[in-house]
Amino acid sequence: MSETAAKAPGAPAPSGDANRWKALVFIALAQLMVVLDATIVNIALPSAQTDLGISDGNRQWVVTAYALAFGGLLLFGGRIADLWGRKRAFVIGLTGFAAASALGGAATSGAMMFGARALQGVFGAMLAPAALSLLAVMFTDAKERAKAFGIYGAIAGGGGAVGFILGGVLTEYLDWRWTFFVNIPFAIVAALGAYFVIREPEGGRNRNPLDIPGVLLSTLGLVSLVYGFTRAESDGWGDTTTVGLFVASAVLLIAFVVTEARVKAPLLPLRVVLDRNRGGIYLSLGIAIIAMFGTFLFLTYYLQVIKGFSPIKTGFAFLPMIAGMMIGSTQIGTRLMTRVPARALMGPGFLVAAAGMLVMTQMEIGSSYASTILPAMLLLGLGMGTAFMPAMSLATLGVEPRDAGVASAMVNTSQQVGGAIGTALLNTIAASATTSYIKDHIATATSKPQQQLVQMQGAVHGYANAIWVAVGMLVLAAVVVVTLVNAGKPETTPVTSGEGAEDELAVPVVAH
């Protein structure tokens, strides 16, 4: 260990902050709340739509308003965390998210609901990068970092499926409004715990003035991109507005990159994404999420519409995937991350997940849950859990402390954009295959039951076609990892950021 590193102002002692594991509990709780919210509202949407009189054409805004605000403001939220301090941004994000959830639960009109969802997205965009960057600066020992990110990765991956169970229980036995109100106790406990327990290391803030042009260009560019894919799903890829949004997004994001290369204090320092390891992580995670989000949607429809599962039973059907993620993340990933290079975990992890998807392509109307869906879910969870864990850690490993918030925001941004792309792209592929199948087979169906059967077969055929594309996405993610990610196992030797005493912090160095 260098003398400079040992004496870095605000750097934790080798044993770290005594409260860091307690802090992890509250950080993980906040992450669980954010991930749960992404799926729990989907289960409640039909009931909320009826109660509030939201039209079929406008119901997408319950999801879209959140996605636009969250995806568009993530980089800004990460920069705010670096400027204000991660603990402060974390607590403010939690408080605002709770208030927005209360507003959503009390909504009396569609407009009030859309506004509440947008506010949830705004505060979620502050909360998510603050949570991940707190882990990055609090856990600097390689083995402890592996355990901490293993827990965080398992929650990030499995929390969405838990949302299906909780959403089903709350909607079926209480009221759809409780899918919003349930966030409030989560947020209060996490905020109070964070306020009293978290001790953020000093000297890691980025006190440069905000890059306003960068904020505007990145926010508008990301909003245009996310909304473009949302429009593509509902109005088609050739729609004039859809094409216009994609063109606008490309122009704005190119202008953003040019601006960031020239300004003195950029919103997103290009050094964060031009590092081949971090760039490879962001790209591979985004591609993998495209596959995962679309598949979640198809499985939900398959189990409920084709197999006749209730919302609660559907939620429980996702439990094997959660178990696989927990094992892959906390057992395989955590135990091996300090022993083997990251790509030796991520590459095979994505391929195991692809094998799970491959099993899923064989599903038919009469397929049993035990023989097809169960093994597919186990493989998918095991693979994604193993891959996510080193990805979450490596995405912020070795980054300068003043950039930790923005680097963390890029992880969330790649996931959010990947989710929007995955839902729109795979839905479009499935819908097209379903329409084609029904058109080819409906003529032979002479009775109403036969016609209904053809429609169900068409739906499953569409799901299978889309899942084939998801298999290809996961294989592509594995190729990206093997090609770009060349970091070896983390060494435990702390080093300084090299940016002056005020920015020094002990961080693990990556062996090449």
Protein backbone atom coordinates (compact mmCIF):
# COMPACT_ATOMS: atom_id res chain seq x y z
CA MET A 1 0.00 0.00 0.00
CA SER A 2 1.35 3.43 -0.91
CA GLU A 3 1.88 5.99 1.81
CA THR A 4 -0.25 8.45 -0.10
CA ALA A 5 -3.11 6.03 -0.22
CA ALA A 6 -2.82 5.19 3.43
CA LYS A 7 -3.05 8.84 4.43
CA ALA A 8 -5.63 9.99 1.88
CA PRO A 9 -7.97 12.46 3.57
CA GLY A 10 -11.32 10.86 4.29
CA ALA A 11 -10.17 7.46 3.07
CA PRO A 12 -11.52 4.65 5.20
CA ALA A 13 -9.27 2.58 7.34
CA PRO A 14 -8.43 -0.83 5.95
CA SER A 15 -11.32 -2.26 7.90
CA GLY A 16 -13.65 0.40 6.44
CA ASP A 17 -16.50 2.30 8.05
CA ALA A 18 -17.81 0.24 10.96
CA ASN A 19 -21.38 0.96 9.85
CA ARG A 20 -20.92 0.04 6.20
CA TRP A 21 -22.81 -3.27 6.42
CA LYS A 22 -25.70 -1.60 8.25
CA ALA A 23 -25.66 1.05 5.53
CA LEU A 24 -25.88 -1.69 2.90
CA VAL A 25 -29.21 -2.83 4.41
CA PHE A 26 -30.79 0.59 3.85
CA ILE A 27 -29.22 1.07 0.42
CA ALA A 28 -30.50 -2.36 -0.64
CA LEU A 29 -33.95 -1.55 0.78
CA ALA A 30 -34.12 1.62 -1.33
CA GLN A 31 -32.99 -0.29 -4.43
CA LEU A 32 -35.63 -2.94 -3.78
CA MET A 33 -38.31 -0.22 -3.59
CA VAL A 34 -37.27 1.29 -6.94
CA VAL A 35 -37.09 -2.08 -8.70
CA LEU A 36 -40.38 -3.26 -7.17
CA ASP A 37 -42.11 -0.14 -8.38
CA ALA A 38 -41.15 -0.89 -11.97
CA THR A 39 -43.29 -4.06 -12.01
CA ILE A 40 -45.78 -3.68 -9.17
CA VAL A 41 -47.67 -0.90 -10.97
CA ASN A 42 -48.10 -3.04 -14.11
CA ILE A 43 -50.15 -5.57 -12.13
CA ALA A 44 -52.37 -2.79 -10.73
CA LEU A 45 -52.77 -0.89 -14.02
CA PRO A 46 -56.06 -2.47 -15.20
CA SER A 47 -57.80 -1.70 -11.89
CA ALA A 48 -56.37 1.84 -11.72
CA GLN A 49 -57.42 2.52 -15.30
CA THR A 50 -61.03 1.56 -14.54
CA ASP A 51 -61.22 3.56 -11.29
CA LEU A 52 -59.71 6.74 -12.75
CA GLY A 53 -61.45 6.56 -16.11
CA ILE A 54 -58.21 6.50 -18.11
CA SER A 55 -58.73 5.69 -21.79
CA ASP A 56 -56.96 2.79 -23.52
CA GLY A 57 -55.03 5.32 -25.58
CA ASN A 58 -53.72 7.13 -22.50
CA ARG A 59 -53.08 4.22 -20.14
CA GLN A 60 -49.51 3.80 -21.47
CA TRP A 61 -48.67 7.14 -19.81
CA VAL A 62 -48.83 5.50 -16.38
CA VAL A 63 -45.68 3.62 -17.44
CA THR A 64 -44.29 6.10 -19.97
CA ALA A 65 -44.36 9.19 -17.68
CA TYR A 66 -42.17 7.34 -15.18
CA ALA A 67 -39.83 5.90 -17.81
CA LEU A 68 -39.29 9.28 -19.51
CA ALA A 69 -38.48 11.14 -16.30
CA PHE A 70 -36.35 8.35 -14.88
CA GLY A 71 -34.42 7.56 -18.06
CA GLY A 72 -34.02 11.18 -19.13
CA LEU A 73 -32.77 12.55 -15.81
CA LEU A 74 -30.45 9.75 -14.65
CA LEU A 75 -27.21 11.43 -15.75
CA PHE A 76 -28.34 14.68 -14.15
CA GLY A 77 -29.25 12.76 -10.98
CA GLY A 78 -25.81 11.14 -10.89
CA ARG A 79 -24.13 14.53 -11.27
CA ILE A 80 -26.29 15.99 -8.48
CA ALA A 81 -25.14 13.14 -6.22
CA ASP A 82 -21.50 13.99 -6.99
CA LEU A 83 -22.15 17.69 -6.34
CA TRP A 84 -24.37 17.60 -3.23
CA GLY A 85 -22.98 14.40 -1.72
CA ARG A 86 -24.40 10.91 -2.23
CA LYS A 87 -25.93 10.62 1.23
CA ARG A 88 -27.84 13.89 0.85
CA ALA A 89 -29.02 13.01 -2.68
CA PHE A 90 -30.02 9.53 -1.44
CA VAL A 91 -32.16 10.86 1.43
CA ILE A 92 -33.77 13.60 -0.70
CA GLY A 93 -34.48 11.06 -3.45
CA LEU A 94 -36.16 8.71 -0.97
CA THR A 95 -38.25 11.48 0.59
CA GLY A 96 -39.40 12.76 -2.79
CA PHE A 97 -40.17 9.24 -4.04
CA ALA A 98 -42.33 8.60 -0.96
CA ALA A 99 -44.23 11.89 -1.46
CA ALA A 100 -44.80 11.11 -5.16
CA SER A 101 -46.01 7.60 -4.25
CA ALA A 102 -48.50 9.07 -1.77
CA LEU A 103 -49.75 11.39 -4.53
CA GLY A 104 -50.15 8.44 -6.91
CA GLY A 105 -52.04 6.38 -4.34
CA ALA A 106 -54.40 9.31 -3.69
CA ALA A 107 -54.90 10.10 -7.40
CA THR A 108 -58.45 11.07 -8.39
CA SER A 109 -57.84 11.55 -12.11
CA GLY A 110 -55.62 10.31 -14.92
CA ALA A 111 -53.70 13.60 -15.04
CA MET A 112 -52.93 13.38 -11.30
CA MET A 113 -51.70 9.82 -11.76
CA PHE A 114 -49.47 10.75 -14.72
CA GLY A 115 -47.99 13.66 -12.73
CA ALA A 116 -47.30 11.43 -9.73
CA ARG A 117 -45.55 8.86 -11.91
CA ALA A 118 -43.40 11.55 -13.53
CA LEU A 119 -42.41 12.82 -10.06
CA GLN A 120 -41.52 9.26 -9.01
CA GLY A 121 -39.25 9.14 -12.05
CA VAL A 122 -37.59 12.46 -11.17
CA PHE A 123 -36.73 11.41 -7.62
CA GLY A 124 -35.88 7.84 -8.72
CA ALA A 125 -33.31 9.34 -11.10
CA MET A 126 -31.65 11.00 -8.10
CA LEU A 127 -31.99 8.00 -5.80
CA ALA A 128 -30.74 5.14 -8.03
CA PRO A 129 -27.27 6.51 -8.94
CA ALA A 130 -26.77 7.82 -5.38
CA ALA A 131 -27.41 4.31 -3.99
CA LEU A 132 -24.96 2.57 -6.33
CA SER A 133 -22.25 5.23 -5.94
CA LEU A 134 -22.51 5.01 -2.14
CA LEU A 135 -21.60 1.33 -2.42
CA ALA A 136 -18.75 2.24 -4.75
CA VAL A 137 -17.15 4.65 -2.27
CA MET A 138 -17.95 2.76 0.97
CA PHE A 139 -16.75 -0.74 0.01
CA THR A 140 -13.15 -0.59 -1.18
CA ASP A 141 -11.79 -3.96 -0.07
CA ALA A 142 -12.07 -6.41 -2.99
CA LYS A 143 -13.69 -9.29 -1.08
CA GLU A 144 -16.11 -7.06 0.82
CA ARG A 145 -16.94 -5.21 -2.37
CA ALA A 146 -17.76 -8.53 -4.02
CA LYS A 147 -20.18 -9.47 -1.22
CA ALA A 148 -21.81 -6.03 -1.14
CA PHE A 149 -22.34 -5.90 -4.89
CA GLY A 150 -23.50 -9.52 -4.88
CA ILE A 151 -26.34 -8.59 -2.53
CA TYR A 152 -27.10 -5.42 -4.48
CA GLY A 153 -27.05 -7.25 -7.82
CA ALA A 154 -29.38 -9.99 -6.57
CA ILE A 155 -31.89 -7.38 -5.40
CA ALA A 156 -31.59 -5.40 -8.64
CA GLY A 157 -32.18 -8.54 -10.69
CA GLY A 158 -34.79 -10.34 -8.59
CA GLY A 159 -36.74 -7.41 -7.17
CA GLY A 160 -38.78 -7.01 -10.33
CA ALA A 161 -40.17 -10.52 -10.06
CA VAL A 162 -41.02 -9.96 -6.38
CA GLY A 163 -43.03 -7.00 -7.63
CA PHE A 164 -45.33 -9.36 -9.52
CA ILE A 165 -46.14 -11.24 -6.29
CA LEU A 166 -46.60 -8.14 -4.16
CA GLY A 167 -48.58 -6.37 -6.88
CA GLY A 168 -50.89 -9.37 -7.23
CA VAL A 169 -51.46 -9.70 -3.48
CA LEU A 170 -52.11 -5.98 -2.93
CA THR A 171 -54.38 -5.62 -5.96
CA GLU A 172 -56.35 -8.80 -5.32
CA TYR A 173 -56.82 -8.52 -1.55
CA LEU A 174 -56.60 -4.77 -0.82
CA ASP A 175 -56.76 -2.11 -3.52
CA TRP A 176 -54.60 -0.93 -6.43
CA ARG A 177 -53.77 2.24 -4.45
CA TRP A 178 -51.69 0.15 -2.05
CA THR A 179 -49.21 -0.60 -4.84
CA PHE A 180 -48.25 3.08 -4.41
CA PHE A 181 -48.72 3.43 -0.64
CA VAL A 182 -46.46 0.41 0.00
CA ASN A 183 -43.46 2.51 -1.11
CA ILE A 184 -43.91 4.95 1.80
CA PRO A 185 -42.78 2.67 4.69
CA PHE A 186 -39.89 1.39 2.52
CA ALA A 187 -38.76 4.96 1.87
CA ILE A 188 -39.16 6.17 5.47
CA VAL A 189 -37.17 3.27 6.94
CA ALA A 190 -34.43 3.57 4.29
CA ALA A 191 -34.18 7.37 4.64
CA LEU A 192 -34.01 7.32 8.45
CA GLY A 193 -31.51 4.46 8.41
CA ALA A 194 -29.35 6.23 5.82
CA TYR A 195 -29.44 9.52 7.73
CA PHE A 196 -28.21 7.98 10.97
CA VAL A 197 -25.96 5.16 9.68
CA ILE A 198 -24.29 6.20 6.42
CA ARG A 199 -20.96 7.98 6.77
CA GLU A 200 -19.89 8.97 3.29
CA PRO A 201 -16.11 9.25 2.82
CA GLU A 202 -14.95 12.84 2.46
CA GLY A 203 -13.14 14.36 -0.49
CA GLY A 204 -15.07 12.62 -3.27
CA ARG A 205 -17.40 15.43 -4.35
CA ASN A 206 -17.31 17.13 -7.71
CA ARG A 207 -17.84 20.79 -6.84
CA ASN A 208 -17.54 22.11 -10.38
CA PRO A 209 -20.50 24.17 -11.65
CA LEU A 210 -23.26 22.27 -13.43
CA ASP A 211 -22.88 21.73 -17.16
CA ILE A 212 -26.28 23.19 -18.16
CA PRO A 213 -25.93 22.56 -21.94
CA GLY A 214 -24.97 18.95 -21.15
CA VAL A 215 -27.97 18.57 -18.82
CA LEU A 216 -30.39 19.87 -21.47
CA LEU A 217 -28.91 17.88 -24.38
CA SER A 218 -28.63 14.58 -22.47
CA THR A 219 -32.10 14.87 -20.91
CA LEU A 220 -33.83 15.79 -24.17
CA GLY A 221 -31.83 13.18 -26.10
CA LEU A 222 -32.62 10.34 -23.70
CA VAL A 223 -36.28 11.38 -23.38
CA SER A 224 -36.59 11.39 -27.19
CA LEU A 225 -34.95 7.95 -27.39
CA VAL A 226 -37.13 6.34 -24.69
CA TYR A 227 -40.31 7.96 -26.02
CA GLY A 228 -39.39 6.94 -29.57
CA PHE A 229 -39.33 3.28 -28.59
CA THR A 230 -42.57 3.72 -26.63
CA ARG A 231 -44.23 5.24 -29.71
CA ALA A 232 -42.81 2.48 -31.92
CA GLU A 233 -44.54 -0.12 -29.76
CA SER A 234 -47.96 1.54 -30.04
CA ASP A 235 -47.86 3.31 -33.43
CA GLY A 236 -45.28 1.34 -35.44
CA TRP A 237 -41.68 1.92 -36.51
CA GLY A 238 -42.67 3.79 -39.68
CA ASP A 239 -44.83 6.36 -37.88
CA THR A 240 -43.71 9.93 -38.72
CA THR A 241 -43.51 11.00 -35.07
CA THR A 242 -41.58 7.85 -34.15
CA VAL A 243 -38.99 8.43 -36.88
CA GLY A 244 -38.78 12.12 -35.92
CA LEU A 245 -38.11 11.23 -32.29
CA PHE A 246 -35.28 8.85 -33.27
CA VAL A 247 -33.70 11.46 -35.55
CA ALA A 248 -34.00 14.13 -32.85
CA SER A 249 -32.49 11.75 -30.29
CA ALA A 250 -29.49 10.99 -32.53
CA VAL A 251 -28.85 14.70 -33.21
CA LEU A 252 -29.19 15.67 -29.53
CA LEU A 253 -26.97 12.85 -28.24
CA ILE A 254 -24.27 13.54 -30.86
CA ALA A 255 -24.39 17.22 -29.85
CA PHE A 256 -24.11 16.09 -26.21
CA VAL A 257 -20.93 14.07 -26.91
CA VAL A 258 -19.38 17.00 -28.83
CA THR A 259 -20.26 19.37 -25.97
CA GLU A 260 -18.85 17.04 -23.30
CA ALA A 261 -15.55 16.83 -25.19
CA ARG A 262 -15.19 20.62 -25.15
CA VAL A 263 -16.56 21.98 -21.86
CA LYS A 264 -14.32 22.36 -18.82
CA ALA A 265 -16.61 20.60 -16.33
CA PRO A 266 -18.72 18.09 -18.32
CA LEU A 267 -21.88 16.42 -17.01
CA LEU A 268 -20.51 13.09 -18.25
CA PRO A 269 -16.71 13.11 -18.44
CA LEU A 270 -15.94 11.00 -21.51
CA ARG A 271 -13.19 9.23 -19.55
CA VAL A 272 -15.98 7.40 -17.71
CA VAL A 273 -17.40 5.72 -20.83
CA LEU A 274 -14.28 5.55 -23.01
CA ASP A 275 -12.61 3.15 -20.59
CA ARG A 276 -13.00 -0.15 -22.47
CA ASN A 277 -14.08 -2.07 -19.39
CA ARG A 278 -16.75 0.37 -18.26
CA GLY A 279 -17.90 0.93 -21.85
CA GLY A 280 -18.15 -2.83 -22.34
CA ILE A 281 -20.15 -3.20 -19.12
CA TYR A 282 -22.64 -0.46 -20.05
CA LEU A 283 -23.14 -1.87 -23.55
CA SER A 284 -23.46 -5.53 -22.53
CA LEU A 285 -25.86 -4.72 -19.66
CA GLY A 286 -28.08 -2.68 -21.98
CA ILE A 287 -28.21 -5.51 -24.52
CA ALA A 288 -28.93 -8.14 -21.84
CA ILE A 289 -31.73 -6.03 -20.34
CA ILE A 290 -33.34 -5.79 -23.81
CA ALA A 291 -33.70 -9.57 -23.69
CA MET A 292 -34.78 -9.76 -20.06
CA PHE A 293 -37.48 -7.07 -19.92
CA GLY A 294 -39.28 -8.32 -23.03
CA THR A 295 -39.24 -11.88 -21.72
CA PHE A 296 -40.74 -10.83 -18.36
CA LEU A 297 -43.67 -9.37 -20.26
CA PHE A 298 -44.22 -12.43 -22.47
CA LEU A 299 -44.02 -14.83 -19.54
CA THR A 300 -46.60 -12.80 -17.62
CA TYR A 301 -49.04 -12.92 -20.54
CA TYR A 302 -48.30 -16.60 -21.25
CA LEU A 303 -48.94 -17.65 -17.67
CA GLN A 304 -52.05 -15.49 -17.13
CA VAL A 305 -53.73 -15.48 -20.56
CA ILE A 306 -52.68 -18.87 -21.98
CA LYS A 307 -52.27 -20.96 -18.82
CA GLY A 308 -54.95 -19.14 -16.78
CA PHE A 309 -52.75 -18.33 -13.76
CA SER A 310 -54.01 -15.69 -11.30
CA PRO A 311 -51.82 -12.58 -10.70
CA ILE A 312 -50.63 -14.07 -7.40
CA LYS A 313 -49.90 -17.49 -8.88
CA THR A 314 -48.02 -15.78 -11.72
CA GLY A 315 -45.91 -13.91 -9.20
CA PHE A 316 -45.00 -17.10 -7.37
CA ALA A 317 -44.18 -18.74 -10.70
CA PHE A 318 -41.31 -16.26 -11.02
CA LEU A 319 -39.75 -17.35 -7.70
CA PRO A 320 -37.37 -19.95 -9.24
CA MET A 321 -35.81 -17.17 -11.29
CA ILE A 322 -35.30 -15.11 -8.13
CA ALA A 323 -33.71 -18.13 -6.44
CA GLY A 324 -31.41 -18.59 -9.43
CA MET A 325 -30.41 -14.93 -9.31
CA MET A 326 -29.68 -15.08 -5.59
CA ILE A 327 -27.49 -18.17 -6.05
CA GLY A 328 -25.72 -16.77 -9.12
CA SER A 329 -25.10 -13.39 -7.53
CA THR A 330 -24.34 -14.10 -3.87
CA GLN A 331 -22.73 -17.55 -4.20
CA ILE A 332 -21.13 -17.99 -7.63
CA GLY A 333 -20.39 -14.33 -8.44
CA THR A 334 -19.28 -13.28 -4.97
CA ARG A 335 -17.06 -16.31 -4.42
CA LEU A 336 -15.33 -16.17 -7.81
CA MET A 337 -15.10 -12.43 -8.51
CA THR A 338 -11.88 -12.00 -6.57
CA ARG A 339 -10.37 -15.13 -8.13
CA VAL A 340 -11.13 -14.90 -11.86
CA PRO A 341 -11.41 -12.04 -14.39
CA ALA A 342 -14.86 -10.43 -14.71
CA ARG A 343 -15.41 -11.65 -18.28
CA ALA A 344 -14.91 -15.26 -17.12
CA LEU A 345 -18.08 -14.76 -15.05
CA MET A 346 -20.07 -12.39 -17.25
CA GLY A 347 -19.57 -14.17 -20.58
CA PRO A 348 -20.60 -17.64 -19.36
CA GLY A 349 -23.33 -16.01 -17.24
CA PHE A 350 -24.98 -14.45 -20.29
CA LEU A 351 -24.63 -17.75 -22.20
CA VAL A 352 -26.31 -19.72 -19.38
CA ALA A 353 -29.13 -17.16 -19.43
CA ALA A 354 -29.33 -17.61 -23.22
CA ALA A 355 -29.66 -21.38 -22.68
CA GLY A 356 -32.61 -20.67 -20.38
CA MET A 357 -34.20 -18.51 -23.08
CA LEU A 358 -33.55 -21.30 -25.60
CA VAL A 359 -35.58 -23.71 -23.46
CA MET A 360 -38.35 -21.09 -23.33
CA THR A 361 -38.61 -20.95 -27.13
CA GLN A 362 -40.02 -24.50 -26.98
CA MET A 363 -43.13 -23.47 -25.03
CA GLU A 364 -46.53 -24.32 -26.50
CA ILE A 365 -50.10 -24.03 -25.27
CA GLY A 366 -49.93 -27.46 -23.65
CA SER A 367 -46.42 -27.10 -22.19
CA SER A 368 -46.24 -27.83 -18.48
CA TYR A 369 -44.72 -25.33 -16.10
CA ALA A 370 -42.46 -27.96 -14.51
CA SER A 371 -40.93 -29.27 -17.75
CA THR A 372 -40.44 -26.02 -19.70
CA ILE A 373 -40.86 -22.79 -17.73
CA LEU A 374 -39.25 -23.93 -14.46
CA PRO A 375 -35.87 -25.05 -15.90
CA ALA A 376 -35.85 -22.01 -18.21
CA MET A 377 -36.35 -19.64 -15.28
CA LEU A 378 -33.70 -21.33 -13.17
CA LEU A 379 -31.11 -21.06 -15.95
CA LEU A 380 -32.11 -17.47 -16.75
CA GLY A 381 -31.84 -16.42 -13.10
CA LEU A 382 -28.59 -18.28 -12.49
CA GLY A 383 -26.95 -16.79 -15.58
CA MET A 384 -28.12 -13.23 -15.08
CA GLY A 385 -27.27 -13.26 -11.37
CA THR A 386 -23.74 -14.48 -12.11
CA ALA A 387 -23.27 -11.84 -14.83
CA PHE A 388 -24.91 -8.89 -13.04
CA MET A 389 -22.83 -9.11 -9.92
CA PRO A 390 -19.36 -8.44 -11.43
CA ALA A 391 -20.97 -6.00 -13.90
CA MET A 392 -22.36 -3.81 -11.10
CA SER A 393 -19.01 -3.80 -9.34
CA LEU A 394 -16.76 -3.30 -12.37
CA ALA A 395 -18.92 -0.44 -13.70
CA THR A 396 -17.74 1.74 -10.80
CA LEU A 397 -14.42 0.08 -9.93
CA GLY A 398 -11.39 2.36 -10.22
CA VAL A 399 -13.49 5.38 -11.22
CA GLU A 400 -12.40 8.71 -9.75
CA PRO A 401 -14.46 9.43 -6.60
CA ARG A 402 -15.78 12.70 -8.07
CA ASP A 403 -17.21 10.70 -11.01
CA ALA A 404 -18.79 7.89 -8.96
CA GLY A 405 -22.33 9.27 -9.22
CA VAL A 406 -22.19 9.73 -12.98
CA ALA A 407 -20.58 6.31 -13.50
CA SER A 408 -23.36 4.76 -11.41
CA ALA A 409 -25.97 6.71 -13.38
CA MET A 410 -24.61 5.19 -16.60
CA VAL A 411 -25.33 1.69 -15.22
CA ASN A 412 -28.94 2.70 -14.57
CA THR A 413 -29.20 4.54 -17.90
CA SER A 414 -28.06 1.48 -19.88
CA GLN A 415 -30.64 -0.63 -18.03
CA GLN A 416 -33.47 1.90 -18.43
CA VAL A 417 -32.83 2.48 -22.14
CA GLY A 418 -32.35 -1.28 -22.64
CA GLY A 419 -35.69 -1.93 -20.93
CA ALA A 420 -37.51 0.58 -23.15
CA ILE A 421 -35.92 -0.87 -26.28
CA GLY A 422 -36.58 -4.45 -25.21
CA THR A 423 -40.26 -3.93 -24.46
CA ALA A 424 -40.92 -2.11 -27.75
CA LEU A 425 -38.69 -4.23 -30.01
CA LEU A 426 -39.69 -7.68 -28.74
CA ASN A 427 -43.38 -6.71 -28.51
CA THR A 428 -43.33 -5.59 -32.13
CA ILE A 429 -41.66 -8.83 -33.25
CA ALA A 430 -44.14 -10.92 -31.25
CA ALA A 431 -47.16 -9.00 -32.57
CA SER A 432 -45.98 -9.34 -36.17
CA ALA A 433 -45.37 -13.11 -35.85
CA THR A 434 -48.76 -13.59 -34.13
CA THR A 435 -50.63 -11.70 -36.87
CA SER A 436 -48.87 -13.69 -39.60
CA TYR A 437 -49.61 -17.03 -37.87
CA ILE A 438 -53.30 -16.26 -37.38
CA LYS A 439 -53.65 -15.06 -40.97
CA ASP A 440 -52.14 -18.34 -42.25
CA HIS A 441 -54.20 -20.68 -40.02
CA ILE A 442 -57.54 -18.99 -39.30
CA ALA A 443 -59.09 -20.22 -42.58
CA THR A 444 -58.98 -23.84 -41.35
CA ALA A 445 -60.80 -22.97 -38.11
CA THR A 446 -64.50 -23.49 -38.79
CA SER A 447 -65.92 -23.09 -35.27
CA LYS A 448 -65.51 -20.40 -32.61
CA PRO A 449 -63.53 -22.69 -30.23
CA GLN A 450 -61.16 -23.56 -33.09
CA GLN A 451 -60.71 -19.87 -33.91
CA GLN A 452 -59.92 -19.12 -30.25
CA LEU A 453 -57.40 -21.97 -30.27
CA VAL A 454 -55.69 -20.56 -33.39
CA GLN A 455 -55.50 -17.13 -31.73
CA MET A 456 -53.88 -18.63 -28.61
CA GLN A 457 -51.47 -20.66 -30.75
CA GLY A 458 -50.64 -17.47 -32.65
CA ALA A 459 -49.90 -15.62 -29.42
CA VAL A 460 -47.55 -18.36 -28.18
CA HIS A 461 -45.91 -18.52 -31.63
CA GLY A 462 -45.30 -14.76 -31.37
CA TYR A 463 -43.79 -15.08 -27.89
CA ALA A 464 -41.45 -17.85 -29.08
CA ASN A 465 -40.30 -15.81 -32.08
CA ALA A 466 -39.51 -12.81 -29.88
CA ILE A 467 -37.69 -14.98 -27.34
CA TRP A 468 -35.46 -16.31 -30.16
CA VAL A 469 -34.36 -12.71 -30.69
CA ALA A 470 -33.74 -12.45 -26.92
CA VAL A 471 -31.46 -15.52 -27.17
CA GLY A 472 -29.45 -13.72 -29.84
CA MET A 473 -29.26 -10.58 -27.67
CA LEU A 474 -27.77 -12.52 -24.77
CA VAL A 475 -25.22 -14.21 -27.03
CA LEU A 476 -24.32 -10.75 -28.38
CA ALA A 477 -23.92 -9.45 -24.80
CA ALA A 478 -21.50 -12.32 -24.12
CA VAL A 479 -19.51 -11.46 -27.28
CA VAL A 480 -19.31 -7.78 -26.20
CA VAL A 481 -18.00 -8.80 -22.79
CA VAL A 482 -15.36 -11.17 -24.14
CA THR A 483 -14.26 -8.60 -26.73
CA LEU A 484 -14.15 -5.42 -24.63
CA VAL A 485 -13.88 -6.34 -20.94
CA ASN A 486 -10.25 -7.25 -20.24
CA ALA A 487 -10.03 -6.41 -16.52
CA GLY A 488 -8.52 -9.11 -14.39
CA LYS A 489 -9.48 -10.03 -10.85
CA PRO A 490 -9.44 -7.01 -8.50
CA GLU A 491 -6.32 -6.60 -6.43
CA THR A 492 -6.75 -5.46 -2.85
CA THR A 493 -4.09 -2.77 -3.03
CA PRO A 494 -5.75 0.63 -2.51
CA VAL A 495 -4.60 3.47 -4.74
CA THR A 496 -5.40 7.15 -5.00
CA SER A 497 -7.33 8.74 -7.80
CA GLY A 498 -4.36 10.90 -8.64
CA GLU A 499 -6.46 14.04 -8.91
CA GLY A 500 -5.20 15.91 -5.86
CA ALA A 501 -5.63 15.54 -2.15
CA GLU A 502 -9.21 16.75 -2.11
CA ASP A 503 -10.28 13.95 -4.45
CA GLU A 504 -8.22 11.08 -3.02
CA LEU A 505 -9.92 7.89 -1.96
CA ALA A 506 -8.66 4.36 -1.58
CA VAL A 507 -10.08 2.24 -4.38
CA PRO A 508 -9.16 -1.23 -5.62
CA VAL A 509 -6.95 -1.31 -8.68
CA VAL A 510 -7.80 -3.66 -11.52
CA ALA A 511 -5.04 -6.00 -12.65
CA HIS A 512 -4.66 -6.39 -16.41
